[in-house]
Amino acid sequence: MKLLAVVLLLFSIMEKCSLAHGDEQVHLFRRSIECPTDWTAINDRCFRFIADVKTWAGAEKHCLTLDANLASVHNQEDNDQLQTLIFTATRKSKEAWIGGSDAHESNVWLWSDGTPMTYTNWCPGQPNNALNVQHCIQMNYSSKKNSHYLFFFQFVKRTRVESLFFMHVDFS
């Protein structure tokens, strides 16, 4: 008797789930990403703010040890949510390295994860490659304009310009 009830229930479910002939409904399901502890999901990627002071190269190297890269920012939503992560972690709008660099070719900006740099939110007057040593991008906050900008900071091996940093990884 129980077996008959289970079989009838299964047929009932199958009939309700099947599409009628000619029905062209398409159901798309967006898989939600699950990030490890201490990481935050933003637009199908996982981000982590690291409150450890390093050079840009040191920050990227640390990220690589975790199979990650410094964060790439692809749109205003990424930018705003990363700023929120900074503020949540520090209660300030602290500067942080992100993965943009033109170290391979001057004025050709790329993300360290290999994705193209199509979104830019430069500080006024940037990039200007002052003294020919500004090759890395730092995210910061400008209180004058009440906006978040990407700022170019010098990075050369003999100079220890250091900052906190963001990293991201795609767990999909």
C-alpha atoms as a PDB file:
ATOM      1  CA  MET A   1       0.000   0.000   0.000  1.00  0.00           C
ATOM      2  CA  LYS A   2       2.812   2.416   0.898  1.00  0.00           C
ATOM      3  CA  LEU A   3       4.590   1.500  -2.338  1.00  0.00           C
ATOM      4  CA  LEU A   4       1.462   2.312  -4.351  1.00  0.00           C
ATOM      5  CA  ALA A   5       1.156   5.684  -2.611  1.00  0.00           C
ATOM      6  CA  VAL A   6       4.803   6.520  -3.401  1.00  0.00           C
ATOM      7  CA  VAL A   7       4.388   5.508  -7.064  1.00  0.00           C
ATOM      8  CA  LEU A   8       1.226   7.619  -7.422  1.00  0.00           C
ATOM      9  CA  LEU A   9       2.966  10.569  -5.791  1.00  0.00           C
ATOM     10  CA  LEU A  10       5.906  10.264  -8.206  1.00  0.00           C
ATOM     11  CA  PHE A  11       3.601  10.135 -11.249  1.00  0.00           C
ATOM     12  CA  SER A  12       1.716  13.147  -9.945  1.00  0.00           C
ATOM     13  CA  ILE A  13       4.941  15.120  -9.529  1.00  0.00           C
ATOM     14  CA  MET A  14       6.234  14.044 -12.954  1.00  0.00           C
ATOM     15  CA  GLU A  15       3.029  15.152 -14.658  1.00  0.00           C
ATOM     16  CA  LYS A  16       3.104  18.560 -12.999  1.00  0.00           C
ATOM     17  CA  CYS A  17       6.766  19.013 -13.900  1.00  0.00           C
ATOM     18  CA  SER A  18       6.505  17.918 -17.528  1.00  0.00           C
ATOM     19  CA  LEU A  19       5.855  20.459 -20.245  1.00  0.00           C
ATOM     20  CA  ALA A  20       2.850  20.084 -22.480  1.00  0.00           C
ATOM     21  CA  HIS A  21       3.493  19.536 -26.188  1.00  0.00           C
ATOM     22  CA  GLY A  22       4.236  22.888 -27.825  1.00  0.00           C
ATOM     23  CA  ASP A  23       4.950  24.624 -24.532  1.00  0.00           C
ATOM     24  CA  GLU A  24       8.158  26.572 -25.012  1.00  0.00           C
ATOM     25  CA  GLN A  25       8.810  27.671 -21.463  1.00  0.00           C
ATOM     26  CA  VAL A  26      12.441  27.775 -20.490  1.00  0.00           C
ATOM     27  CA  HIS A  27      13.514  27.807 -16.887  1.00  0.00           C
ATOM     28  CA  LEU A  28      16.932  29.209 -16.119  1.00  0.00           C
ATOM     29  CA  PHE A  29      18.435  28.709 -12.721  1.00  0.00           C
ATOM     30  CA  ARG A  30      21.255  30.883 -11.463  1.00  0.00           C
ATOM     31  CA  ARG A  31      23.604  28.909  -9.304  1.00  0.00           C
ATOM     32  CA  SER A  32      24.508  30.862  -6.206  1.00  0.00           C
ATOM     33  CA  ILE A  33      28.161  30.806  -5.369  1.00  0.00           C
ATOM     34  CA  GLU A  34      29.315  29.664  -1.964  1.00  0.00           C
ATOM     35  CA  CYS A  35      32.479  31.297  -0.734  1.00  0.00           C
ATOM     36  CA  PRO A  36      34.813  29.919   1.925  1.00  0.00           C
ATOM     37  CA  THR A  37      34.824  31.388   5.423  1.00  0.00           C
ATOM     38  CA  ASP A  38      36.099  34.995   5.507  1.00  0.00           C
ATOM     39  CA  TRP A  39      35.329  35.510   1.800  1.00  0.00           C
ATOM     40  CA  THR A  40      32.408  37.540   0.389  1.00  0.00           C
ATOM     41  CA  ALA A  41      30.467  36.743  -2.803  1.00  0.00           C
ATOM     42  CA  ILE A  42      30.156  39.618  -5.277  1.00  0.00           C
ATOM     43  CA  ASN A  43      28.868  38.973  -8.806  1.00  0.00           C
ATOM     44  CA  ASP A  44      29.740  35.255  -8.855  1.00  0.00           C
ATOM     45  CA  ARG A  45      33.244  35.816  -7.512  1.00  0.00           C
ATOM     46  CA  CYS A  46      34.608  35.562  -3.978  1.00  0.00           C
ATOM     47  CA  PHE A  47      36.523  38.474  -2.470  1.00  0.00           C
ATOM     48  CA  ARG A  48      38.548  38.841   0.687  1.00  0.00           C
ATOM     49  CA  PHE A  49      39.988  42.012   2.185  1.00  0.00           C
ATOM     50  CA  ILE A  50      43.407  41.404   3.705  1.00  0.00           C
ATOM     51  CA  ALA A  51      44.508  43.846   6.400  1.00  0.00           C
ATOM     52  CA  ASP A  52      48.183  43.079   5.858  1.00  0.00           C
ATOM     53  CA  VAL A  53      50.535  45.730   4.509  1.00  0.00           C
ATOM     54  CA  LYS A  54      52.438  44.627   1.395  1.00  0.00           C
ATOM     55  CA  THR A  55      53.772  45.982  -1.872  1.00  0.00           C
ATOM     56  CA  TRP A  56      51.594  45.373  -4.931  1.00  0.00           C
ATOM     57  CA  ALA A  57      53.842  42.496  -6.024  1.00  0.00           C
ATOM     58  CA  GLY A  58      53.889  41.065  -2.494  1.00  0.00           C
ATOM     59  CA  ALA A  59      50.099  41.248  -2.314  1.00  0.00           C
ATOM     60  CA  GLU A  60      49.695  39.491  -5.686  1.00  0.00           C
ATOM     61  CA  LYS A  61      52.210  36.833  -4.649  1.00  0.00           C
ATOM     62  CA  HIS A  62      50.263  36.216  -1.421  1.00  0.00           C
ATOM     63  CA  CYS A  63      47.043  35.882  -3.421  1.00  0.00           C
ATOM     64  CA  LEU A  64      48.663  33.363  -5.774  1.00  0.00           C
ATOM     65  CA  THR A  65      49.580  31.135  -2.806  1.00  0.00           C
ATOM     66  CA  LEU A  66      45.812  30.878  -2.197  1.00  0.00           C
ATOM     67  CA  ASP A  67      44.994  30.231  -5.890  1.00  0.00           C
ATOM     68  CA  ALA A  68      43.623  33.779  -6.099  1.00  0.00           C
ATOM     69  CA  ASN A  69      44.595  37.132  -7.608  1.00  0.00           C
ATOM     70  CA  LEU A  70      44.361  40.728  -6.551  1.00  0.00           C
ATOM     71  CA  ALA A  71      40.819  41.907  -7.211  1.00  0.00           C
ATOM     72  CA  SER A  72      39.695  42.998 -10.647  1.00  0.00           C
ATOM     73  CA  VAL A  73      36.937  45.620 -10.767  1.00  0.00           C
ATOM     74  CA  HIS A  74      34.625  45.229 -13.758  1.00  0.00           C
ATOM     75  CA  ASN A  75      31.773  47.626 -13.017  1.00  0.00           C
ATOM     76  CA  GLN A  76      30.402  50.219 -10.601  1.00  0.00           C
ATOM     77  CA  GLU A  77      28.696  47.506  -8.529  1.00  0.00           C
ATOM     78  CA  ASP A  78      32.030  45.714  -7.969  1.00  0.00           C
ATOM     79  CA  ASN A  79      33.604  49.051  -7.068  1.00  0.00           C
ATOM     80  CA  ASP A  80      30.881  49.983  -4.570  1.00  0.00           C
ATOM     81  CA  GLN A  81      30.744  46.561  -2.922  1.00  0.00           C
ATOM     82  CA  LEU A  82      34.525  46.410  -2.534  1.00  0.00           C
ATOM     83  CA  GLN A  83      34.415  49.841  -0.895  1.00  0.00           C
ATOM     84  CA  THR A  84      31.748  48.508   1.472  1.00  0.00           C
ATOM     85  CA  LEU A  85      34.016  45.565   2.349  1.00  0.00           C
ATOM     86  CA  ILE A  86      36.874  47.960   3.121  1.00  0.00           C
ATOM     87  CA  PHE A  87      34.667  50.097   5.335  1.00  0.00           C
ATOM     88  CA  THR A  88      33.169  47.071   7.111  1.00  0.00           C
ATOM     89  CA  ALA A  89      36.629  45.674   7.845  1.00  0.00           C
ATOM     90  CA  THR A  90      38.334  48.907   8.885  1.00  0.00           C
ATOM     91  CA  ARG A  91      35.558  51.391   9.739  1.00  0.00           C
ATOM     92  CA  LYS A  92      37.420  53.740   7.391  1.00  0.00           C
ATOM     93  CA  SER A  93      37.789  54.116   3.668  1.00  0.00           C
ATOM     94  CA  LYS A  94      41.304  52.686   3.525  1.00  0.00           C
ATOM     95  CA  GLU A  95      43.418  52.418   0.431  1.00  0.00           C
ATOM     96  CA  ALA A  96      43.850  48.898  -0.934  1.00  0.00           C
ATOM     97  CA  TRP A  97      45.767  47.350  -3.809  1.00  0.00           C
ATOM     98  CA  ILE A  98      43.698  45.847  -6.595  1.00  0.00           C
ATOM     99  CA  GLY A  99      44.968  43.846  -9.558  1.00  0.00           C
ATOM    100  CA  GLY A 100      45.433  46.514 -12.236  1.00  0.00           C
ATOM    101  CA  SER A 101      48.892  47.114 -13.658  1.00  0.00           C
ATOM    102  CA  ASP A 102      50.642  48.444 -16.745  1.00  0.00           C
ATOM    103  CA  ALA A 103      53.999  46.971 -15.752  1.00  0.00           C
ATOM    104  CA  HIS A 104      54.292  44.912 -18.957  1.00  0.00           C
ATOM    105  CA  GLU A 105      53.658  47.841 -21.303  1.00  0.00           C
ATOM    106  CA  SER A 106      53.269  51.480 -20.290  1.00  0.00           C
ATOM    107  CA  ASN A 107      49.667  52.741 -20.529  1.00  0.00           C
ATOM    108  CA  VAL A 108      48.293  49.277 -21.420  1.00  0.00           C
ATOM    109  CA  TRP A 109      46.331  48.420 -18.282  1.00  0.00           C
ATOM    110  CA  LEU A 110      45.511  44.788 -17.510  1.00  0.00           C
ATOM    111  CA  TRP A 111      44.097  42.889 -14.539  1.00  0.00           C
ATOM    112  CA  SER A 112      46.434  40.379 -12.913  1.00  0.00           C
ATOM    113  CA  ASP A 113      43.781  37.642 -13.318  1.00  0.00           C
ATOM    114  CA  GLY A 114      43.970  38.012 -17.106  1.00  0.00           C
ATOM    115  CA  THR A 115      40.564  39.642 -17.577  1.00  0.00           C
ATOM    116  CA  PRO A 116      40.349  42.762 -19.755  1.00  0.00           C
ATOM    117  CA  MET A 117      40.160  46.179 -18.100  1.00  0.00           C
ATOM    118  CA  THR A 118      36.949  47.637 -19.494  1.00  0.00           C
ATOM    119  CA  TYR A 119      35.752  49.569 -16.413  1.00  0.00           C
ATOM    120  CA  THR A 120      37.781  52.537 -15.227  1.00  0.00           C
ATOM    121  CA  ASN A 121      36.998  55.023 -12.503  1.00  0.00           C
ATOM    122  CA  TRP A 122      40.246  56.966 -12.434  1.00  0.00           C
ATOM    123  CA  CYS A 123      41.034  59.768 -10.018  1.00  0.00           C
ATOM    124  CA  PRO A 124      40.967  63.141 -11.783  1.00  0.00           C
ATOM    125  CA  GLY A 125      44.214  63.554 -13.730  1.00  0.00           C
ATOM    126  CA  GLN A 126      45.065  59.842 -13.609  1.00  0.00           C
ATOM    127  CA  PRO A 127      46.706  57.830 -14.974  1.00  0.00           C
ATOM    128  CA  ASN A 128      49.658  60.169 -15.380  1.00  0.00           C
ATOM    129  CA  ASN A 129      52.596  57.829 -14.675  1.00  0.00           C
ATOM    130  CA  ALA A 130      54.348  60.466 -12.570  1.00  0.00           C
ATOM    131  CA  LEU A 131      58.126  60.076 -12.665  1.00  0.00           C
ATOM    132  CA  ASN A 132      57.529  57.013 -14.868  1.00  0.00           C
ATOM    133  CA  VAL A 133      57.041  54.797 -11.808  1.00  0.00           C
ATOM    134  CA  GLN A 134      53.243  54.532 -11.384  1.00  0.00           C
ATOM    135  CA  HIS A 135      52.379  51.064 -12.644  1.00  0.00           C
ATOM    136  CA  CYS A 136      49.876  49.627 -10.130  1.00  0.00           C
ATOM    137  CA  ILE A 137      46.338  50.523  -9.109  1.00  0.00           C
ATOM    138  CA  GLN A 138      45.179  51.244  -5.613  1.00  0.00           C
ATOM    139  CA  MET A 139      41.537  51.671  -4.681  1.00  0.00           C
ATOM    140  CA  ASN A 140      40.873  54.578  -2.363  1.00  0.00           C
ATOM    141  CA  TYR A 141      38.284  57.082  -1.292  1.00  0.00           C
ATOM    142  CA  SER A 142      38.088  60.775  -2.161  1.00  0.00           C
ATOM    143  CA  SER A 143      36.079  62.683   0.430  1.00  0.00           C
ATOM    144  CA  LYS A 144      36.067  65.856  -1.698  1.00  0.00           C
ATOM    145  CA  LYS A 145      33.963  64.288  -4.418  1.00  0.00           C
ATOM    146  CA  ASN A 146      32.288  61.720  -2.158  1.00  0.00           C
ATOM    147  CA  SER A 147      33.253  59.110  -4.744  1.00  0.00           C
ATOM    148  CA  HIS A 148      35.469  56.079  -4.866  1.00  0.00           C
ATOM    149  CA  TYR A 149      38.338  56.179  -7.307  1.00  0.00           C
ATOM    150  CA  LEU A 150      41.119  54.038  -8.603  1.00  0.00           C
ATOM    151  CA  PHE A 151      44.443  55.652  -7.805  1.00  0.00           C
ATOM    152  CA  PHE A 152      47.831  54.990  -9.322  1.00  0.00           C
ATOM    153  CA  PHE A 153      50.608  54.441  -6.858  1.00  0.00           C
ATOM    154  CA  GLN A 154      54.248  54.051  -7.579  1.00  0.00           C
ATOM    155  CA  PHE A 155      55.692  50.590  -7.420  1.00  0.00           C
ATOM    156  CA  VAL A 156      59.302  49.881  -8.121  1.00  0.00           C
ATOM    157  CA  LYS A 157      61.418  47.186  -6.524  1.00  0.00           C
ATOM    158  CA  ARG A 158      63.687  49.605  -4.704  1.00  0.00           C
ATOM    159  CA  THR A 159      60.732  51.500  -3.202  1.00  0.00           C
ATOM    160  CA  ARG A 160      58.529  49.906  -0.560  1.00  0.00           C
ATOM    161  CA  VAL A 161      55.148  51.462  -1.220  1.00  0.00           C
ATOM    162  CA  GLU A 162      52.826  49.265   0.756  1.00  0.00           C
ATOM    163  CA  SER A 163      49.105  48.999   1.287  1.00  0.00           C
ATOM    164  CA  LEU A 164      46.333  46.704   2.422  1.00  0.00           C
ATOM    165  CA  PHE A 165      44.916  44.614  -0.400  1.00  0.00           C
ATOM    166  CA  PHE A 166      41.938  42.788  -1.873  1.00  0.00           C
ATOM    167  CA  MET A 167      42.039  39.429  -3.533  1.00  0.00           C
ATOM    168  CA  HIS A 168      39.452  37.435  -5.384  1.00  0.00           C
ATOM    169  CA  VAL A 169      38.990  33.967  -6.730  1.00  0.00           C
ATOM    170  CA  ASP A 170      36.373  32.415  -8.986  1.00  0.00           C
ATOM    171  CA  PHE A 171      35.116  29.248  -7.288  1.00  0.00           C
ATOM    172  CA  SER A 172      32.588  28.421 -10.011  1.00  0.00           C
END
